[in-house]
Amino acid sequence: MRYLKTILSITCKNKLAIYILVLFISTKLSFSQNTPYPYDINYYNFIHYNKNIIKHFGDSANSNIFYGNLNNLIKTGEGNINIIHIGGSHIQADIYTSQMRERLQKIYPGLNAGRGFIFPYNIAQTNNPSNYESTYTGDWLSCKNTLRKQKCNLGLSGYSISTTDSLASIKVFTKGKYGKYDFITAKVFYNADSTNYSINIADTNNIDTIIYYFDEKYIEIRLKNYSDTLELIVQKNDTLSINKFSLYGIYLENNDAGITYSAIGVNGASIPSFLRCNNLYSQMNLINPDMVILSLGTNDAYGKNFNKEIFRKNLDSLIINILETNSKIFVLLTVPNDDYLYRKYPNKNTALQQSVILDLARKYNTGVWDLYEIMGGFNSSQIWYDYNLMKPDRIHFTREGYILKGNLFFNAFLRSYDNYLEKE
């Protein structure tokens, strides 16, 4: 495996590289001996491990740029890799994406560049990832991109929370599995200008600089010292004003070299849900991702009236809009998992989505991780359910299933990186 050869060559220059080699050698080998990268992953005879790859189509210039930057980061310890993963409930829960994040940030010592983009989901009265928490004061109303009749501005998170209180606060603190995700810079995306509201942080002694970017509708808070907690104080300047303050999300950075992996999910979201987020692309541009992973489609295909061509049109639009923010972004499409309709019928629509996704991957030279094929294809969700890897709805996975899914995704990613190295 070329990846291990690369790590071995680095050990001559950096003793820390021994860490990753030991990690690979000492990993419990519960996987088939014929399968590359046996990385803490259980073996099931119904999973097509040999198909667990990231497929590349056409001109792979963007993927080469991405893997080249990753390789430079590992070899030199310099640079940043910024990944955004967008989807529905599978992503909002941040279980398999958390597994992916932690694997990537531990692929080599010192690659944890921060938690990335977060949203205080619990303030919007919905489930929050387990690696950070949030509390608040004041009255807040929420809006999300799945509610067509709600008229509100939305951004990258697909959610917003709003208040008209004269004084309110939001406190977030991170708590990663392998230690807290500390940060020294926070970008706060919101909709108000300084004539309506001012934003500060509770720990005034730790403020280095607060910069307001009025046109882009965000502020950048630079701290003096690293922290795992950010408490925003939102104060209305004109108490008679009826204008509201709306928060779209927060991007946490530690300014270290490494990998940032942002999981952005909305329960029940389809592709049109994100297409109606009017500030999505401007906020994405400010975060400047190297890779955008799109894991949408389950909710688009949930029903008897699924239209393949409408799905194609919507996904085509989303890909175009993302590439227009930066034509060098490596876009990775994932094919939805097999699932059931109404807990009764195997969903035939997913196979139709698979063909559309592969067609668009060829059109735009993107990558594809085909989970539908890997997990066994049509009606395989029943088998996953029988093995306690999926919940009774046979749409969502159990925690064990999500961890397996995350490990499969990481192995496919590592294979793709290794294939890049073989060509170099």
Protein backbone atom coordinates (compact mmCIF):
# COMPACT_ATOMS: atom_id res chain seq x y z
CA MET A 1 0.00 0.00 0.00
CA ARG A 2 1.55 3.23 -1.17
CA TYR A 3 0.06 5.17 1.78
CA LEU A 4 2.08 3.10 4.27
CA LYS A 5 5.18 3.53 2.10
CA THR A 6 4.68 7.29 2.26
CA ILE A 7 4.33 7.18 6.04
CA LEU A 8 7.46 5.05 6.30
CA SER A 9 9.42 7.50 4.19
CA ILE A 10 8.32 10.36 6.44
CA THR A 11 9.50 8.56 9.60
CA CYS A 12 13.06 9.27 8.55
CA LYS A 13 12.31 12.99 8.87
CA ASN A 14 9.70 13.03 11.63
CA LYS A 15 9.49 10.60 14.54
CA LEU A 16 5.84 11.46 15.06
CA ALA A 17 5.04 9.57 11.88
CA ILE A 18 5.75 6.35 13.77
CA TYR A 19 2.43 6.99 15.51
CA ILE A 20 0.34 6.39 12.42
CA LEU A 21 2.33 3.29 11.50
CA VAL A 22 1.81 1.80 14.95
CA LEU A 23 -1.86 2.73 14.76
CA PHE A 24 -2.27 0.71 11.59
CA ILE A 25 -0.29 -2.30 12.79
CA SER A 26 -1.97 -2.48 16.20
CA THR A 27 -5.53 -2.12 14.93
CA LYS A 28 -7.76 -5.10 15.68
CA LEU A 29 -8.03 -7.13 12.47
CA SER A 30 -11.69 -8.17 12.51
CA PHE A 31 -11.90 -7.58 8.76
CA SER A 32 -11.25 -9.92 5.83
CA GLN A 33 -7.53 -10.40 5.31
CA ASN A 34 -7.97 -9.78 1.58
CA THR A 35 -9.48 -6.34 2.06
CA PRO A 36 -7.26 -3.23 2.16
CA TYR A 37 -7.23 -1.04 5.28
CA PRO A 38 -8.65 -3.28 8.03
CA TYR A 39 -9.45 -0.26 10.22
CA ASP A 40 -11.59 -1.18 13.24
CA ILE A 41 -14.33 -2.54 11.03
CA ASN A 42 -16.52 -5.59 11.48
CA TYR A 43 -17.03 -8.10 8.70
CA TYR A 44 -20.50 -9.05 7.41
CA ASN A 45 -20.91 -11.39 4.45
CA PHE A 46 -23.71 -9.29 2.92
CA ILE A 47 -21.61 -6.12 2.56
CA HIS A 48 -19.73 -5.69 -0.72
CA TYR A 49 -16.40 -4.58 0.71
CA ASN A 50 -14.70 -4.94 -2.66
CA LYS A 51 -16.97 -2.18 -3.99
CA ASN A 52 -16.19 0.15 -1.10
CA ILE A 53 -14.34 2.73 -3.16
CA ILE A 54 -14.72 6.34 -4.21
CA LYS A 55 -15.33 6.28 -7.94
CA HIS A 56 -13.81 9.06 -10.01
CA PHE A 57 -15.16 10.13 -13.37
CA GLY A 58 -13.63 12.03 -16.27
CA ASP A 59 -10.99 14.68 -15.60
CA SER A 60 -9.92 14.16 -11.98
CA ALA A 61 -8.15 17.53 -11.71
CA ASN A 62 -10.14 18.63 -8.65
CA SER A 63 -9.60 15.37 -6.79
CA ASN A 64 -5.90 15.51 -7.63
CA ILE A 65 -5.71 19.02 -6.19
CA PHE A 66 -7.48 17.83 -3.06
CA TYR A 67 -5.34 14.74 -2.48
CA GLY A 68 -2.21 16.68 -3.41
CA ASN A 69 -3.00 19.23 -0.69
CA LEU A 70 -3.68 16.40 1.78
CA ASN A 71 -0.39 14.76 0.90
CA ASN A 72 1.47 18.04 1.36
CA LEU A 73 -0.21 18.52 4.74
CA ILE A 74 0.89 15.07 5.94
CA LYS A 75 4.44 15.44 4.60
CA THR A 76 5.17 18.99 5.72
CA GLY A 77 2.72 19.65 8.53
CA GLU A 78 1.62 22.80 6.74
CA GLY A 79 -1.70 23.83 5.20
CA ASN A 80 -5.36 23.13 5.84
CA ILE A 81 -7.94 20.78 4.40
CA ASN A 82 -11.51 22.01 4.75
CA ILE A 83 -14.37 19.55 4.17
CA ILE A 84 -18.11 20.28 4.26
CA HIS A 85 -20.58 17.38 4.38
CA ILE A 86 -24.21 18.32 3.63
CA GLY A 87 -27.25 16.08 4.07
CA GLY A 88 -30.41 15.23 5.98
CA SER A 89 -31.02 13.45 9.27
CA HIS A 90 -28.10 11.04 8.74
CA ILE A 91 -25.81 14.07 8.85
CA GLN A 92 -27.57 16.18 11.50
CA ALA A 93 -27.09 13.38 14.03
CA ASP A 94 -23.34 13.56 13.26
CA ILE A 95 -22.59 9.96 14.21
CA TYR A 96 -21.05 8.51 11.07
CA THR A 97 -19.68 11.93 10.07
CA SER A 98 -18.18 12.29 13.55
CA GLN A 99 -16.51 8.92 13.06
CA MET A 100 -15.18 10.15 9.71
CA ARG A 101 -13.97 13.42 11.24
CA GLU A 102 -12.12 11.72 14.06
CA ARG A 103 -10.54 9.14 11.74
CA LEU A 104 -9.32 11.85 9.36
CA GLN A 105 -7.98 14.06 12.13
CA LYS A 106 -6.10 11.08 13.58
CA ILE A 107 -4.75 9.81 10.27
CA TYR A 108 -1.52 11.53 11.31
CA PRO A 109 -0.63 13.33 14.55
CA GLY A 110 -1.55 16.99 14.82
CA LEU A 111 -4.22 17.19 12.11
CA ASN A 112 -7.09 18.45 14.28
CA ALA A 113 -7.80 21.90 12.83
CA GLY A 114 -11.08 22.31 14.70
CA ARG A 115 -14.75 21.35 14.77
CA GLY A 116 -15.71 23.63 11.89
CA PHE A 117 -19.27 24.78 11.22
CA ILE A 118 -21.84 24.25 13.98
CA PHE A 119 -25.42 25.25 14.67
CA PRO A 120 -27.12 25.21 18.12
CA TYR A 121 -29.78 22.71 17.09
CA ASN A 122 -31.26 22.29 20.55
CA ILE A 123 -32.29 25.98 20.56
CA ALA A 124 -34.29 25.12 17.43
CA GLN A 125 -35.88 22.27 19.44
CA THR A 126 -34.23 19.47 17.49
CA ASN A 127 -31.47 16.93 18.08
CA ASN A 128 -27.93 18.20 18.57
CA PRO A 129 -24.65 16.34 17.82
CA SER A 130 -23.02 14.91 20.92
CA ASN A 131 -19.63 16.61 20.43
CA TYR A 132 -20.87 20.07 21.40
CA GLU A 133 -23.65 21.53 23.49
CA SER A 134 -25.43 24.85 23.66
CA THR A 135 -27.49 26.81 26.18
CA TYR A 136 -29.30 30.10 25.80
CA THR A 137 -31.24 32.92 27.40
CA GLY A 138 -34.10 34.84 25.83
CA ASP A 139 -36.90 33.77 23.51
CA TRP A 140 -35.88 32.28 20.19
CA LEU A 141 -37.96 31.14 17.22
CA SER A 142 -36.60 28.71 14.66
CA CYS A 143 -36.95 28.26 10.92
CA LYS A 144 -35.70 25.41 8.72
CA ASN A 145 -35.37 24.78 5.03
CA THR A 146 -37.88 21.91 4.93
CA LEU A 147 -40.80 24.21 5.79
CA ARG A 148 -41.81 25.67 2.45
CA LYS A 149 -44.45 28.03 3.82
CA GLN A 150 -42.09 29.66 6.30
CA LYS A 151 -40.53 32.77 4.81
CA CYS A 152 -37.11 33.32 6.29
CA ASN A 153 -33.55 33.86 5.15
CA LEU A 154 -31.40 30.76 5.52
CA GLY A 155 -27.78 29.92 5.03
CA LEU A 156 -25.41 26.99 5.06
CA SER A 157 -26.91 25.27 8.09
CA GLY A 158 -30.43 25.16 6.63
CA TYR A 159 -31.68 26.43 9.99
CA SER A 160 -31.98 29.81 11.66
CA ILE A 161 -32.94 30.96 15.13
CA SER A 162 -34.28 34.47 15.71
CA THR A 163 -35.05 36.76 18.63
CA THR A 164 -36.49 40.23 19.13
CA ASP A 165 -35.46 40.40 22.78
CA SER A 166 -33.48 43.40 23.94
CA LEU A 167 -30.91 41.07 25.51
CA ALA A 168 -30.29 37.41 24.74
CA SER A 169 -27.40 34.98 24.72
CA ILE A 170 -26.15 31.77 23.14
CA LYS A 171 -23.45 29.64 24.73
CA VAL A 172 -21.75 26.76 22.90
CA PHE A 173 -19.02 24.48 24.20
CA THR A 174 -17.31 21.62 22.45
CA LYS A 175 -16.54 18.19 23.82
CA GLY A 176 -14.81 15.92 21.33
CA LYS A 177 -14.43 12.17 21.89
CA TYR A 178 -10.64 12.45 21.94
CA GLY A 179 -10.55 15.77 23.80
CA LYS A 180 -12.33 19.07 23.35
CA TYR A 181 -12.31 20.91 20.04
CA ASP A 182 -10.78 24.19 21.12
CA PHE A 183 -10.69 27.25 18.90
CA ILE A 184 -9.25 30.74 18.75
CA THR A 185 -11.39 32.23 15.98
CA ALA A 186 -15.16 32.16 15.49
CA LYS A 187 -17.07 33.38 12.46
CA VAL A 188 -20.67 34.17 13.43
CA PHE A 189 -23.12 34.28 10.51
CA TYR A 190 -26.17 36.45 11.18
CA ASN A 191 -28.55 38.91 9.52
CA ALA A 192 -28.45 42.11 11.56
CA ASP A 193 -26.30 45.24 11.23
CA SER A 194 -24.83 47.33 14.02
CA THR A 195 -27.70 49.83 13.97
CA ASN A 196 -30.06 47.14 15.24
CA TYR A 197 -27.95 44.76 17.34
CA SER A 198 -24.47 44.49 18.76
CA ILE A 199 -22.70 41.21 19.48
CA ASN A 200 -20.12 40.61 22.16
CA ILE A 201 -18.82 37.65 24.14
CA ALA A 202 -19.16 37.05 27.85
CA ASP A 203 -15.45 36.47 28.39
CA THR A 204 -14.38 40.02 27.55
CA ASN A 205 -10.88 39.40 28.93
CA ASN A 206 -10.26 36.89 26.14
CA ILE A 207 -11.22 39.20 23.26
CA ASP A 208 -8.42 40.08 20.92
CA THR A 209 -10.46 41.60 18.08
CA ILE A 210 -14.06 41.63 16.85
CA ILE A 211 -14.41 42.52 13.17
CA TYR A 212 -17.82 43.26 11.64
CA TYR A 213 -18.28 42.36 7.97
CA PHE A 214 -21.59 44.08 7.31
CA ASP A 215 -21.89 43.30 3.61
CA GLU A 216 -21.16 39.59 4.11
CA LYS A 217 -23.33 39.48 7.27
CA TYR A 218 -20.92 37.88 9.67
CA ILE A 219 -18.52 38.88 12.39
CA GLU A 220 -15.14 37.38 13.14
CA ILE A 221 -14.24 37.02 16.81
CA ARG A 222 -10.54 36.54 17.47
CA LEU A 223 -9.59 35.37 20.93
CA LYS A 224 -6.36 35.94 22.83
CA ASN A 225 -6.23 32.36 24.10
CA TYR A 226 -7.63 29.05 22.88
CA SER A 227 -11.03 28.17 24.31
CA ASP A 228 -13.65 25.41 24.06
CA THR A 229 -16.50 27.76 25.01
CA LEU A 230 -18.10 30.70 23.22
CA GLU A 231 -20.89 32.72 24.82
CA LEU A 232 -22.42 35.32 22.53
CA ILE A 233 -24.23 38.28 24.07
CA VAL A 234 -26.80 39.74 21.66
CA GLN A 235 -28.05 43.19 22.60
CA LYS A 236 -30.61 45.33 20.80
CA ASN A 237 -29.37 48.89 20.34
CA ASP A 238 -32.83 50.35 19.78
CA THR A 239 -35.27 48.79 22.21
CA LEU A 240 -38.22 50.16 20.22
CA SER A 241 -37.11 48.44 17.03
CA ILE A 242 -39.20 45.50 15.80
CA ASN A 243 -36.31 44.08 13.79
CA LYS A 244 -35.11 40.63 14.74
CA PHE A 245 -31.68 39.10 15.14
CA SER A 246 -31.21 35.81 13.26
CA LEU A 247 -28.31 33.40 13.67
CA TYR A 248 -27.40 31.11 10.75
CA GLY A 249 -24.42 29.28 12.24
CA ILE A 250 -20.93 29.55 13.72
CA TYR A 251 -17.63 28.46 12.22
CA LEU A 252 -14.98 27.51 14.80
CA GLU A 253 -11.28 27.49 13.86
CA ASN A 254 -8.08 26.93 15.81
CA ASN A 255 -5.82 28.30 13.03
CA ASP A 256 -3.64 25.18 13.23
CA ALA A 257 -2.56 23.17 10.22
CA GLY A 258 -4.80 20.15 9.75
CA ILE A 259 -8.26 18.99 8.71
CA THR A 260 -11.62 20.59 9.44
CA TYR A 261 -14.72 18.48 8.78
CA SER A 262 -18.08 20.25 9.05
CA ALA A 263 -21.25 18.12 9.18
CA ILE A 264 -24.29 20.15 8.09
CA GLY A 265 -27.58 18.28 8.22
CA VAL A 266 -31.29 19.08 8.40
CA ASN A 267 -33.78 16.42 9.44
CA GLY A 268 -36.12 15.70 6.53
CA ALA A 269 -34.17 17.82 4.05
CA SER A 270 -34.28 17.18 0.31
CA ILE A 271 -32.24 18.84 -2.43
CA PRO A 272 -34.90 21.60 -2.94
CA SER A 273 -34.61 22.32 0.81
CA PHE A 274 -31.02 23.47 0.35
CA LEU A 275 -31.73 25.13 -2.99
CA ARG A 276 -34.03 27.57 -1.16
CA CYS A 277 -31.26 28.63 1.26
CA ASN A 278 -30.51 32.05 -0.19
CA ASN A 279 -27.29 32.65 1.78
CA LEU A 280 -25.88 29.14 1.39
CA TYR A 281 -23.33 29.84 -1.35
CA SER A 282 -22.06 33.15 0.02
CA GLN A 283 -21.43 31.52 3.40
CA MET A 284 -19.84 28.50 1.74
CA ASN A 285 -17.54 30.84 -0.17
CA LEU A 286 -16.43 32.48 3.09
CA ILE A 287 -15.58 29.09 4.58
CA ASN A 288 -13.81 28.14 1.32
CA PRO A 289 -14.02 24.32 1.36
CA ASP A 290 -11.62 22.05 -0.50
CA MET A 291 -14.23 19.28 -0.66
CA VAL A 292 -18.03 19.32 -0.51
CA ILE A 293 -19.77 15.99 0.12
CA LEU A 294 -23.45 15.83 -0.85
CA SER A 295 -25.45 13.12 0.94
CA LEU A 296 -28.96 14.03 -0.16
CA GLY A 297 -31.69 12.04 -1.85
CA THR A 298 -33.37 9.85 0.77
CA ASN A 299 -36.12 12.39 1.37
CA ASP A 300 -36.40 13.23 -2.34
CA ALA A 301 -37.21 9.58 -3.09
CA TYR A 302 -39.48 8.95 -0.12
CA GLY A 303 -42.89 8.53 -1.72
CA LYS A 304 -44.74 7.00 -4.64
CA ASN A 305 -44.53 10.14 -6.80
CA PHE A 306 -40.76 10.29 -7.17
CA ASN A 307 -39.74 11.86 -10.49
CA LYS A 308 -36.31 10.88 -11.72
CA GLU A 309 -35.94 13.89 -14.02
CA ILE A 310 -36.94 16.40 -11.35
CA PHE A 311 -34.37 14.81 -9.05
CA ARG A 312 -31.78 15.13 -11.84
CA LYS A 313 -32.63 18.80 -12.41
CA ASN A 314 -32.41 19.66 -8.71
CA LEU A 315 -29.12 17.86 -8.11
CA ASP A 316 -27.68 19.36 -11.28
CA SER A 317 -28.56 22.86 -10.01
CA LEU A 318 -27.01 22.22 -6.61
CA ILE A 319 -23.75 20.97 -8.10
CA ILE A 320 -23.54 23.93 -10.51
CA ASN A 321 -24.17 26.43 -7.71
CA ILE A 322 -21.45 24.89 -5.55
CA LEU A 323 -18.88 24.84 -8.34
CA GLU A 324 -19.70 28.45 -9.16
CA THR A 325 -18.45 29.44 -5.71
CA ASN A 326 -15.12 27.79 -6.56
CA SER A 327 -14.55 25.71 -9.68
CA LYS A 328 -11.72 23.79 -7.95
CA ILE A 329 -13.87 22.28 -5.19
CA PHE A 330 -13.74 18.48 -5.18
CA VAL A 331 -17.43 17.51 -5.13
CA LEU A 332 -18.18 14.03 -3.81
CA LEU A 333 -21.68 12.61 -4.28
CA THR A 334 -22.94 9.76 -2.13
CA VAL A 335 -25.70 7.42 -3.26
CA PRO A 336 -28.40 7.07 -0.55
CA ASN A 337 -28.71 3.86 1.40
CA ASP A 338 -31.38 1.31 0.56
CA ASP A 339 -34.52 1.97 2.57
CA TYR A 340 -38.21 1.20 2.99
CA LEU A 341 -41.33 3.24 2.21
CA TYR A 342 -43.77 3.57 5.10
CA ARG A 343 -41.94 0.73 6.91
CA LYS A 344 -43.60 -1.74 4.53
CA TYR A 345 -42.18 -1.62 1.03
CA PRO A 346 -38.60 -1.77 -0.27
CA ASN A 347 -37.93 1.52 -2.03
CA LYS A 348 -37.33 1.05 -5.77
CA ASN A 349 -36.60 4.75 -6.24
CA THR A 350 -33.07 4.53 -4.85
CA ALA A 351 -31.86 2.56 -7.87
CA LEU A 352 -33.22 5.35 -10.09
CA GLN A 353 -31.34 7.90 -8.01
CA GLN A 354 -28.18 5.84 -8.32
CA SER A 355 -28.28 6.08 -12.12
CA VAL A 356 -28.86 9.86 -11.99
CA ILE A 357 -26.00 10.40 -9.54
CA LEU A 358 -23.60 8.38 -11.69
CA ASP A 359 -24.70 10.32 -14.80
CA LEU A 360 -24.10 13.68 -13.12
CA ALA A 361 -20.77 12.48 -11.75
CA ARG A 362 -19.65 11.85 -15.32
CA LYS A 363 -21.01 15.24 -16.42
CA TYR A 364 -19.20 17.23 -13.71
CA ASN A 365 -16.19 14.93 -13.07
CA THR A 366 -17.10 14.41 -9.43
CA GLY A 367 -16.45 11.52 -7.12
CA VAL A 368 -19.12 9.01 -6.00
CA TRP A 369 -19.34 6.86 -2.89
CA ASP A 370 -22.07 4.34 -3.75
CA LEU A 371 -23.41 3.23 -0.38
CA TYR A 372 -26.44 1.63 -2.05
CA GLU A 373 -24.18 -0.76 -3.95
CA ILE A 374 -21.83 -1.34 -1.01
CA MET A 375 -24.56 -2.27 1.47
CA GLY A 376 -26.05 -4.83 -0.94
CA GLY A 377 -28.49 -3.00 -3.21
CA PHE A 378 -32.25 -3.41 -3.34
CA ASN A 379 -33.86 -4.56 -0.07
CA SER A 380 -30.49 -4.88 1.68
CA SER A 381 -31.78 -2.60 4.44
CA GLN A 382 -33.85 -5.55 5.67
CA ILE A 383 -30.67 -7.58 6.18
CA TRP A 384 -28.99 -4.66 7.95
CA TYR A 385 -32.06 -4.43 10.18
CA ASP A 386 -31.89 -8.16 10.92
CA TYR A 387 -28.31 -7.64 12.13
CA ASN A 388 -29.32 -4.67 14.33
CA LEU A 389 -27.54 -2.21 12.04
CA MET A 390 -30.70 -0.33 11.04
CA LYS A 391 -33.72 0.89 12.98
CA PRO A 392 -37.23 -0.53 12.39
CA ASP A 393 -38.02 2.17 9.81
CA ARG A 394 -35.16 0.72 7.72
CA ILE A 395 -34.18 4.26 6.78
CA HIS A 396 -31.99 5.26 9.70
CA PHE A 397 -29.17 3.24 11.17
CA THR A 398 -28.55 2.20 14.73
CA ARG A 399 -25.50 3.71 16.39
CA GLU A 400 -23.58 0.53 15.57
CA GLY A 401 -24.71 0.84 11.95
CA TYR A 402 -23.66 4.48 11.72
CA ILE A 403 -20.23 3.69 13.16
CA LEU A 404 -19.84 0.92 10.57
CA LYS A 405 -20.96 3.33 7.86
CA GLY A 406 -18.39 5.89 9.01
CA ASN A 407 -15.62 3.31 8.99
CA LEU A 408 -16.59 2.14 5.52
CA PHE A 409 -16.52 5.73 4.29
CA PHE A 410 -13.12 6.33 5.86
CA ASN A 411 -11.68 3.17 4.29
CA ALA A 412 -13.00 4.21 0.88
CA PHE A 413 -11.43 7.63 1.36
CA LEU A 414 -8.10 6.09 2.35
CA ARG A 415 -8.18 3.82 -0.70
CA SER A 416 -8.78 6.83 -2.91
CA TYR A 417 -5.86 8.68 -1.36
CA ASP A 418 -3.68 5.60 -1.81
CA ASN A 419 -4.66 5.38 -5.49
CA TYR A 420 -3.60 9.02 -5.88
CA LEU A 421 -0.21 8.22 -4.35
CA GLU A 422 0.27 5.27 -6.71
CA LYS A 423 -0.06 7.63 -9.66
CA GLU A 424 2.41 10.15 -8.31
